[in-house]
Each structure stands twice: as structure tokens, then as C-alpha cells.
Amino acid sequence: MLKKKWRSRAVAGLALGAAVVAIPLTAGSASADSASPRWRYYASYTSEVRCQTAGNTLAQQGKITAFQCNARIVNGARHAQLFVR
């Protein structure tokens, strides 16, 4: 029982950490700048936590400048799609 609580706390902490990093990365300016790159689809994940983790990893590696995870229901299952700039 103790192991299950530890896992759920770790997942919650990871999700919170990902959100703290993701919000400044996706916040950008409010003006519509035509020079800014467009959002492009990168991958789908079975959970939003995995999507956030993948986006954070790509950003830390310098491969992208911003990312978004969009949740969708596909065949009754929840998936998260990663879009990057």
C-alpha cells in the first residue's frame, strides 16, 4: 500500500513540475507575429504526463522553443498530442 502512495505522489509531483515549466514555454507574446514558426504535430502519448515530459525533454535539449499538449479522446481512451515550435 505504501508503494502505491509513493508512485501516485511521484506522478503528481512530475505533473506539477511539468506544468511549471510548460506554462512559461507556451506563454509567448499576445501579438500575431508572422515570423514566428507554426505549431506542428510531433507525437501522441497515452497520458498527459508523458506528453509533458517529452515536451520538457525536447525543450531542455534545445530541439524546440515551445510545446503544447492537447488532450483528446480516441476510441474511448484519453490521449495527449504533442505540438511543438
PDB file of N, CA and C in Angstrom:
ATOM      1  N   MET A   1       0.823  -1.193   0.000  1.00  0.00           N
ATOM      2  CA  MET A   1       0.000   0.000   0.000  1.00  0.00           C
ATOM      3  C   MET A   1       0.868   1.258   0.000  1.00  0.00           C
ATOM      4  N   LEU A   2       1.946   1.235   0.754  1.00  0.00           N
ATOM      5  CA  LEU A   2       2.825   2.394   0.824  1.00  0.00           C
ATOM      6  C   LEU A   2       3.469   2.676  -0.524  1.00  0.00           C
ATOM      7  N   LYS A   3       3.792   1.643  -1.266  1.00  0.00           N
ATOM      8  CA  LYS A   3       4.418   1.801  -2.573  1.00  0.00           C
ATOM      9  C   LYS A   3       3.470   2.510  -3.544  1.00  0.00           C
ATOM     10  N   LYS A   4       2.197   2.157  -3.499  1.00  0.00           N
ATOM     11  CA  LYS A   4       1.217   2.774  -4.386  1.00  0.00           C
ATOM     12  C   LYS A   4       1.087   4.273  -4.091  1.00  0.00           C
ATOM     13  N   LYS A   5       1.078   4.664  -2.821  1.00  0.00           N
ATOM     14  CA  LYS A   5       1.001   6.077  -2.465  1.00  0.00           C
ATOM     15  C   LYS A   5       2.227   6.825  -2.982  1.00  0.00           C
ATOM     16  N   TRP A   6       3.399   6.215  -2.859  1.00  0.00           N
ATOM     17  CA  TRP A   6       4.629   6.846  -3.314  1.00  0.00           C
ATOM     18  C   TRP A   6       4.585   7.089  -4.810  1.00  0.00           C
ATOM     19  N   ARG A   7       4.095   6.096  -5.570  1.00  0.00           N
ATOM     20  CA  ARG A   7       4.002   6.252  -7.025  1.00  0.00           C
ATOM     21  C   ARG A   7       3.054   7.371  -7.407  1.00  0.00           C
ATOM     22  N   SER A   8       1.895   7.411  -6.772  1.00  0.00           N
ATOM     23  CA  SER A   8       0.921   8.440  -7.134  1.00  0.00           C
ATOM     24  C   SER A   8       1.433   9.829  -6.761  1.00  0.00           C
ATOM     25  N   ARG A   9       2.168   9.940  -5.671  1.00  0.00           N
ATOM     26  CA  ARG A   9       2.751  11.233  -5.315  1.00  0.00           C
ATOM     27  C   ARG A   9       3.834  11.635  -6.299  1.00  0.00           C
ATOM     28  N   ALA A  10       4.620  10.659  -6.749  1.00  0.00           N
ATOM     29  CA  ALA A  10       5.677  10.954  -7.717  1.00  0.00           C
ATOM     30  C   ALA A  10       5.077  11.422  -9.034  1.00  0.00           C
ATOM     31  N   VAL A  11       4.007  10.782  -9.478  1.00  0.00           N
ATOM     32  CA  VAL A  11       3.354  11.177 -10.726  1.00  0.00           C
ATOM     33  C   VAL A  11       2.745  12.570 -10.585  1.00  0.00           C
ATOM     34  N   ALA A  12       2.124  12.837  -9.443  1.00  0.00           N
ATOM     35  CA  ALA A  12       1.540  14.160  -9.218  1.00  0.00           C
ATOM     36  C   ALA A  12       2.625  15.231  -9.184  1.00  0.00           C
ATOM     37  N   GLY A  13       3.746  14.936  -8.539  1.00  0.00           N
ATOM     38  CA  GLY A  13       4.857  15.881  -8.498  1.00  0.00           C
ATOM     39  C   GLY A  13       5.437  16.135  -9.872  1.00  0.00           C
ATOM     40  N   LEU A  14       5.561  15.082 -10.671  1.00  0.00           N
ATOM     41  CA  LEU A  14       6.074  15.216 -12.028  1.00  0.00           C
ATOM     42  C   LEU A  14       5.137  16.070 -12.874  1.00  0.00           C
ATOM     43  N   ALA A  15       3.843  15.833 -12.742  1.00  0.00           N
ATOM     44  CA  ALA A  15       2.865  16.614 -13.497  1.00  0.00           C
ATOM     45  C   ALA A  15       2.921  18.090 -13.094  1.00  0.00           C
ATOM     46  N   LEU A  16       3.050  18.346 -11.811  1.00  0.00           N
ATOM     47  CA  LEU A  16       3.130  19.725 -11.338  1.00  0.00           C
ATOM     48  C   LEU A  16       4.410  20.388 -11.841  1.00  0.00           C
ATOM     49  N   GLY A  17       5.522  19.680 -11.771  1.00  0.00           N
ATOM     50  CA  GLY A  17       6.782  20.213 -12.276  1.00  0.00           C
ATOM     51  C   GLY A  17       6.728  20.495 -13.764  1.00  0.00           C
ATOM     52  N   ALA A  18       6.095  19.597 -14.506  1.00  0.00           N
ATOM     53  CA  ALA A  18       5.964  19.793 -15.949  1.00  0.00           C
ATOM     54  C   ALA A  18       5.108  21.020 -16.248  1.00  0.00           C
ATOM     55  N   ALA A  19       4.054  21.223 -15.480  1.00  0.00           N
ATOM     56  CA  ALA A  19       3.187  22.375 -15.696  1.00  0.00           C
ATOM     57  C   ALA A  19       3.928  23.675 -15.397  1.00  0.00           C
ATOM     58  N   VAL A  20       4.759  23.671 -14.366  1.00  0.00           N
ATOM     59  CA  VAL A  20       5.515  24.873 -14.004  1.00  0.00           C
ATOM     60  C   VAL A  20       6.466  25.259 -15.134  1.00  0.00           C
ATOM     61  N   VAL A  21       7.058  24.274 -15.781  1.00  0.00           N
ATOM     62  CA  VAL A  21       7.971  24.549 -16.885  1.00  0.00           C
ATOM     63  C   VAL A  21       7.198  24.852 -18.163  1.00  0.00           C
ATOM     64  N   ALA A  22       6.087  24.169 -18.399  1.00  0.00           N
ATOM     65  CA  ALA A  22       5.343  24.293 -19.648  1.00  0.00           C
ATOM     66  C   ALA A  22       4.661  25.654 -19.792  1.00  0.00           C
ATOM     67  N   ILE A  23       4.163  26.215 -18.720  1.00  0.00           N
ATOM     68  CA  ILE A  23       3.425  27.472 -18.820  1.00  0.00           C
ATOM     69  C   ILE A  23       4.303  28.597 -19.367  1.00  0.00           C
ATOM     70  N   PRO A  24       5.514  28.820 -18.850  1.00  0.00           N
ATOM     71  CA  PRO A  24       6.338  29.880 -19.451  1.00  0.00           C
ATOM     72  C   PRO A  24       6.766  29.551 -20.882  1.00  0.00           C
ATOM     73  N   LEU A  25       6.959  28.270 -21.207  1.00  0.00           N
ATOM     74  CA  LEU A  25       7.379  27.907 -22.556  1.00  0.00           C
ATOM     75  C   LEU A  25       6.283  28.161 -23.582  1.00  0.00           C
ATOM     76  N   THR A  26       5.023  27.966 -23.193  1.00  0.00           N
ATOM     77  CA  THR A  26       3.930  28.138 -24.139  1.00  0.00           C
ATOM     78  C   THR A  26       3.329  29.534 -24.066  1.00  0.00           C
ATOM     79  N   ALA A  27       3.693  30.355 -23.103  1.00  0.00           N
ATOM     80  CA  ALA A  27       3.074  31.671 -22.938  1.00  0.00           C
ATOM     81  C   ALA A  27       3.492  32.673 -24.010  1.00  0.00           C
ATOM     82  N   GLY A  28       4.405  32.933 -24.578  1.00  0.00           N
ATOM     83  CA  GLY A  28       4.752  33.813 -25.668  1.00  0.00           C
ATOM     84  C   GLY A  28       4.013  35.141 -25.681  1.00  0.00           C
ATOM     85  N   SER A  29       4.221  35.923 -26.704  1.00  0.00           N
ATOM     86  CA  SER A  29       3.576  37.232 -26.769  1.00  0.00           C
ATOM     87  C   SER A  29       2.172  37.099 -27.338  1.00  0.00           C
ATOM     88  N   ALA A  30       1.341  38.086 -27.024  1.00  0.00           N
ATOM     89  CA  ALA A  30      -0.053  38.055 -27.473  1.00  0.00           C
ATOM     90  C   ALA A  30      -0.198  38.534 -28.919  1.00  0.00           C
ATOM     91  N   SER A  31       0.798  39.162 -29.460  1.00  0.00           N
ATOM     92  CA  SER A  31       0.677  39.654 -30.828  1.00  0.00           C
ATOM     93  C   SER A  31       0.853  38.518 -31.832  1.00  0.00           C
ATOM     94  N   ALA A  32       0.188  38.634 -32.962  1.00  0.00           N
ATOM     95  CA  ALA A  32       0.291  37.613 -34.002  1.00  0.00           C
ATOM     96  C   ALA A  32       1.477  37.950 -34.893  1.00  0.00           C
ATOM     97  N   ASP A  33       2.594  37.367 -34.608  1.00  0.00           N
ATOM     98  CA  ASP A  33       3.819  37.637 -35.356  1.00  0.00           C
ATOM     99  C   ASP A  33       3.923  36.644 -36.509  1.00  0.00           C
ATOM    100  N   SER A  34       3.958  37.131 -37.738  1.00  0.00           N
ATOM    101  CA  SER A  34       4.000  36.250 -38.900  1.00  0.00           C
ATOM    102  C   SER A  34       5.348  35.554 -39.030  1.00  0.00           C
ATOM    103  N   ALA A  35       6.386  36.062 -38.360  1.00  0.00           N
ATOM    104  CA  ALA A  35       7.712  35.455 -38.444  1.00  0.00           C
ATOM    105  C   ALA A  35       7.858  34.262 -37.501  1.00  0.00           C
ATOM    106  N   SER A  36       6.958  34.122 -36.532  1.00  0.00           N
ATOM    107  CA  SER A  36       7.081  33.009 -35.591  1.00  0.00           C
ATOM    108  C   SER A  36       6.686  31.705 -36.285  1.00  0.00           C
ATOM    109  N   PRO A  37       7.379  30.623 -35.974  1.00  0.00           N
ATOM    110  CA  PRO A  37       7.073  29.349 -36.620  1.00  0.00           C
ATOM    111  C   PRO A  37       5.692  28.829 -36.209  1.00  0.00           C
ATOM    112  N   ARG A  38       5.120  28.034 -37.056  1.00  0.00           N
ATOM    113  CA  ARG A  38       3.795  27.472 -36.795  1.00  0.00           C
ATOM    114  C   ARG A  38       3.904  26.253 -35.915  1.00  0.00           C
ATOM    115  N   TRP A  39       2.816  25.927 -35.244  1.00  0.00           N
ATOM    116  CA  TRP A  39       2.764  24.711 -34.436  1.00  0.00           C
ATOM    117  C   TRP A  39       2.749  23.515 -35.370  1.00  0.00           C
ATOM    118  N   ARG A  40       3.491  22.476 -35.041  1.00  0.00           N
ATOM    119  CA  ARG A  40       3.466  21.243 -35.832  1.00  0.00           C
ATOM    120  C   ARG A  40       3.308  20.042 -34.904  1.00  0.00           C
ATOM    121  N   TYR A  41       2.591  19.062 -35.409  1.00  0.00           N
ATOM    122  CA  TYR A  41       2.355  17.841 -34.647  1.00  0.00           C
ATOM    123  C   TYR A  41       3.661  17.080 -34.485  1.00  0.00           C
ATOM    124  N   TYR A  42       3.909  16.555 -33.283  1.00  0.00           N
ATOM    125  CA  TYR A  42       5.133  15.798 -33.027  1.00  0.00           C
ATOM    126  C   TYR A  42       4.829  14.330 -32.727  1.00  0.00           C
ATOM    127  N   ALA A  43       3.944  14.046 -31.753  1.00  0.00           N
ATOM    128  CA  ALA A  43       3.650  12.662 -31.371  1.00  0.00           C
ATOM    129  C   ALA A  43       2.407  12.605 -30.493  1.00  0.00           C
ATOM    130  N   SER A  44       1.895  11.378 -30.287  1.00  0.00           N
ATOM    131  CA  SER A  44       0.781  11.132 -29.375  1.00  0.00           C
ATOM    132  C   SER A  44       1.273  10.289 -28.204  1.00  0.00           C
ATOM    133  N   TYR A  45       0.684  10.507 -27.047  1.00  0.00           N
ATOM    134  CA  TYR A  45       1.060   9.789 -25.834  1.00  0.00           C
ATOM    135  C   TYR A  45      -0.195   9.295 -25.127  1.00  0.00           C
ATOM    136  N   THR A  46      -0.029   8.247 -24.329  1.00  0.00           N
ATOM    137  CA  THR A  46      -1.168   7.660 -23.637  1.00  0.00           C
ATOM    138  C   THR A  46      -1.559   8.437 -22.389  1.00  0.00           C
ATOM    139  N   SER A  47      -0.729   9.369 -21.965  1.00  0.00           N
ATOM    140  CA  SER A  47      -1.084  10.196 -20.813  1.00  0.00           C
ATOM    141  C   SER A  47      -0.526  11.605 -21.007  1.00  0.00           C
ATOM    142  N   GLU A  48      -1.147  12.548 -20.321  1.00  0.00           N
ATOM    143  CA  GLU A  48      -0.697  13.931 -20.411  1.00  0.00           C
ATOM    144  C   GLU A  48       0.656  14.117 -19.720  1.00  0.00           C
ATOM    145  N   VAL A  49       0.927  13.318 -18.696  1.00  0.00           N
ATOM    146  CA  VAL A  49       2.214  13.400 -18.001  1.00  0.00           C
ATOM    147  C   VAL A  49       3.342  13.011 -18.949  1.00  0.00           C
ATOM    148  N   ARG A  50       3.158  11.944 -19.717  1.00  0.00           N
ATOM    149  CA  ARG A  50       4.179  11.526 -20.680  1.00  0.00           C
ATOM    150  C   ARG A  50       4.383  12.584 -21.758  1.00  0.00           C
ATOM    151  N   CYS A  51       3.301  13.201 -22.178  1.00  0.00           N
ATOM    152  CA  CYS A  51       3.384  14.263 -23.187  1.00  0.00           C
ATOM    153  C   CYS A  51       4.190  15.445 -22.640  1.00  0.00           C
ATOM    154  N   GLN A  52       3.873  15.882 -21.425  1.00  0.00           N
ATOM    155  CA  GLN A  52       4.588  16.992 -20.807  1.00  0.00           C
ATOM    156  C   GLN A  52       6.066  16.658 -20.620  1.00  0.00           C
ATOM    157  N   THR A  53       6.347  15.427 -20.205  1.00  0.00           N
ATOM    158  CA  THR A  53       7.726  15.002 -20.003  1.00  0.00           C
ATOM    159  C   THR A  53       8.499  15.044 -21.320  1.00  0.00           C
ATOM    160  N   ALA A  54       7.889  14.549 -22.389  1.00  0.00           N
ATOM    161  CA  ALA A  54       8.544  14.557 -23.702  1.00  0.00           C
ATOM    162  C   ALA A  54       8.784  15.986 -24.172  1.00  0.00           C
ATOM    163  N   GLY A  55       7.803  16.859 -23.999  1.00  0.00           N
ATOM    164  CA  GLY A  55       7.961  18.258 -24.389  1.00  0.00           C
ATOM    165  C   GLY A  55       9.065  18.949 -23.606  1.00  0.00           C
ATOM    166  N   ASN A  56       9.110  18.706 -22.295  1.00  0.00           N
ATOM    167  CA  ASN A  56      10.164  19.297 -21.461  1.00  0.00           C
ATOM    168  C   ASN A  56      11.538  18.800 -21.877  1.00  0.00           C
ATOM    169  N   THR A  57      11.642  17.514 -22.178  1.00  0.00           N
ATOM    170  CA  THR A  57      12.924  16.947 -22.594  1.00  0.00           C
ATOM    171  C   THR A  57      13.398  17.581 -23.896  1.00  0.00           C
ATOM    172  N   LEU A  58      12.503  17.701 -24.875  1.00  0.00           N
ATOM    173  CA  LEU A  58      12.875  18.322 -26.151  1.00  0.00           C
ATOM    174  C   LEU A  58      13.299  19.783 -25.962  1.00  0.00           C
ATOM    175  N   ALA A  59      12.596  20.499 -25.085  1.00  0.00           N
ATOM    176  CA  ALA A  59      12.929  21.904 -24.830  1.00  0.00           C
ATOM    177  C   ALA A  59      14.288  22.022 -24.138  1.00  0.00           C
ATOM    178  N   GLN A  60      14.554  21.154 -23.177  1.00  0.00           N
ATOM    179  CA  GLN A  60      15.832  21.197 -22.470  1.00  0.00           C
ATOM    180  C   GLN A  60      16.999  20.842 -23.394  1.00  0.00           C
ATOM    181  N   GLN A  61      16.734  20.000 -24.387  1.00  0.00           N
ATOM    182  CA  GLN A  61      17.769  19.630 -25.346  1.00  0.00           C
ATOM    183  C   GLN A  61      17.960  20.707 -26.414  1.00  0.00           C
ATOM    184  N   GLY A  62      17.099  21.721 -26.416  1.00  0.00           N
ATOM    185  CA  GLY A  62      17.203  22.808 -27.380  1.00  0.00           C
ATOM    186  C   GLY A  62      16.644  22.465 -28.753  1.00  0.00           C
ATOM    187  N   LYS A  63      15.903  21.383 -28.866  1.00  0.00           N
ATOM    188  CA  LYS A  63      15.348  20.975 -30.159  1.00  0.00           C
ATOM    189  C   LYS A  63      14.092  21.762 -30.525  1.00  0.00           C
ATOM    190  N   ILE A  64      13.400  22.313 -29.525  1.00  0.00           N
ATOM    191  CA  ILE A  64      12.183  23.098 -29.755  1.00  0.00           C
ATOM    192  C   ILE A  64      12.232  24.339 -28.873  1.00  0.00           C
ATOM    193  N   THR A  65      11.390  25.320 -29.195  1.00  0.00           N
ATOM    194  CA  THR A  65      11.322  26.523 -28.373  1.00  0.00           C
ATOM    195  C   THR A  65      10.057  26.561 -27.524  1.00  0.00           C
ATOM    196  N   ALA A  66       9.017  25.842 -27.925  1.00  0.00           N
ATOM    197  CA  ALA A  66       7.763  25.818 -27.178  1.00  0.00           C
ATOM    198  C   ALA A  66       7.003  24.541 -27.510  1.00  0.00           C
ATOM    199  N   PHE A  67       6.093  24.147 -26.614  1.00  0.00           N
ATOM    200  CA  PHE A  67       5.265  22.974 -26.878  1.00  0.00           C
ATOM    201  C   PHE A  67       3.916  23.092 -26.184  1.00  0.00           C
ATOM    202  N   GLN A  68       2.956  22.306 -26.677  1.00  0.00           N
ATOM    203  CA  GLN A  68       1.619  22.207 -26.086  1.00  0.00           C
ATOM    204  C   GLN A  68       1.205  20.756 -26.093  1.00  0.00           C
ATOM    205  N   CYS A  69       0.493  20.337 -25.060  1.00  0.00           N
ATOM    206  CA  CYS A  69      -0.107  19.007 -25.038  1.00  0.00           C
ATOM    207  C   CYS A  69      -1.623  19.181 -25.082  1.00  0.00           C
ATOM    208  N   ASN A  70      -2.245  18.629 -26.102  1.00  0.00           N
ATOM    209  CA  ASN A  70      -3.694  18.725 -26.268  1.00  0.00           C
ATOM    210  C   ASN A  70      -4.307  17.349 -26.020  1.00  0.00           C
ATOM    211  N   ALA A  71      -5.233  17.279 -25.059  1.00  0.00           N
ATOM    212  CA  ALA A  71      -5.884  16.013 -24.724  1.00  0.00           C
ATOM    213  C   ALA A  71      -7.032  15.743 -25.686  1.00  0.00           C
ATOM    214  N   ARG A  72      -7.145  14.473 -26.093  1.00  0.00           N
ATOM    215  CA  ARG A  72      -8.224  14.041 -26.983  1.00  0.00           C
ATOM    216  C   ARG A  72      -8.704  12.663 -26.547  1.00  0.00           C
ATOM    217  N   ILE A  73      -9.948  12.368 -26.889  1.00  0.00           N
ATOM    218  CA  ILE A  73     -10.499  11.040 -26.665  1.00  0.00           C
ATOM    219  C   ILE A  73     -10.472  10.309 -28.003  1.00  0.00           C
ATOM    220  N   VAL A  74      -9.783   9.173 -28.065  1.00  0.00           N
ATOM    221  CA  VAL A  74      -9.681   8.369 -29.283  1.00  0.00           C
ATOM    222  C   VAL A  74     -10.141   6.959 -28.949  1.00  0.00           C
ATOM    223  N   ASN A  75     -11.226   6.519 -29.589  1.00  0.00           N
ATOM    224  CA  ASN A  75     -11.798   5.190 -29.334  1.00  0.00           C
ATOM    225  C   ASN A  75     -12.048   4.957 -27.852  1.00  0.00           C
ATOM    226  N   GLY A  76     -12.543   5.963 -27.163  1.00  0.00           N
ATOM    227  CA  GLY A  76     -12.880   5.845 -25.754  1.00  0.00           C
ATOM    228  C   GLY A  76     -11.707   5.997 -24.800  1.00  0.00           C
ATOM    229  N   ALA A  77     -10.497   6.117 -25.309  1.00  0.00           N
ATOM    230  CA  ALA A  77      -9.320   6.278 -24.447  1.00  0.00           C
ATOM    231  C   ALA A  77      -8.778   7.703 -24.576  1.00  0.00           C
ATOM    232  N   ARG A  78      -8.287   8.223 -23.487  1.00  0.00           N
ATOM    233  CA  ARG A  78      -7.740   9.588 -23.478  1.00  0.00           C
ATOM    234  C   ARG A  78      -6.284   9.555 -23.942  1.00  0.00           C
ATOM    235  N   HIS A  79      -5.959  10.411 -24.885  1.00  0.00           N
ATOM    236  CA  HIS A  79      -4.596  10.536 -25.414  1.00  0.00           C
ATOM    237  C   HIS A  79      -4.200  12.007 -25.385  1.00  0.00           C
ATOM    238  N   ALA A  80      -2.906  12.258 -25.382  1.00  0.00           N
ATOM    239  CA  ALA A  80      -2.393  13.625 -25.438  1.00  0.00           C
ATOM    240  C   ALA A  80      -1.515  13.753 -26.672  1.00  0.00           C
ATOM    241  N   GLN A  81      -1.775  14.799 -27.451  1.00  0.00           N
ATOM    242  CA  GLN A  81      -0.986  15.055 -28.648  1.00  0.00           C
ATOM    243  C   GLN A  81      -0.017  16.187 -28.362  1.00  0.00           C
ATOM    244  N   LEU A  82       1.245  15.989 -28.735  1.00  0.00           N
ATOM    245  CA  LEU A  82       2.283  16.977 -28.526  1.00  0.00           C
ATOM    246  C   LEU A  82       2.475  17.794 -29.801  1.00  0.00           C
ATOM    247  N   PHE A  83       2.331  19.122 -29.671  1.00  0.00           N
ATOM    248  CA  PHE A  83       2.594  20.051 -30.765  1.00  0.00           C
ATOM    249  C   PHE A  83       3.783  20.913 -30.353  1.00  0.00           C
ATOM    250  N   VAL A  84       4.692  21.151 -31.287  1.00  0.00           N
ATOM    251  CA  VAL A  84       5.926  21.863 -30.967  1.00  0.00           C
ATOM    252  C   VAL A  84       6.177  23.007 -31.921  1.00  0.00           C
ATOM    253  N   ARG A  85       7.030  23.926 -31.505  1.00  0.00           N
ATOM    254  CA  ARG A  85       7.550  25.011 -32.341  1.00  0.00           C
ATOM    255  C   ARG A  85       9.044  24.902 -32.323  1.00  0.00           C
TER     256      ARG A  85
END
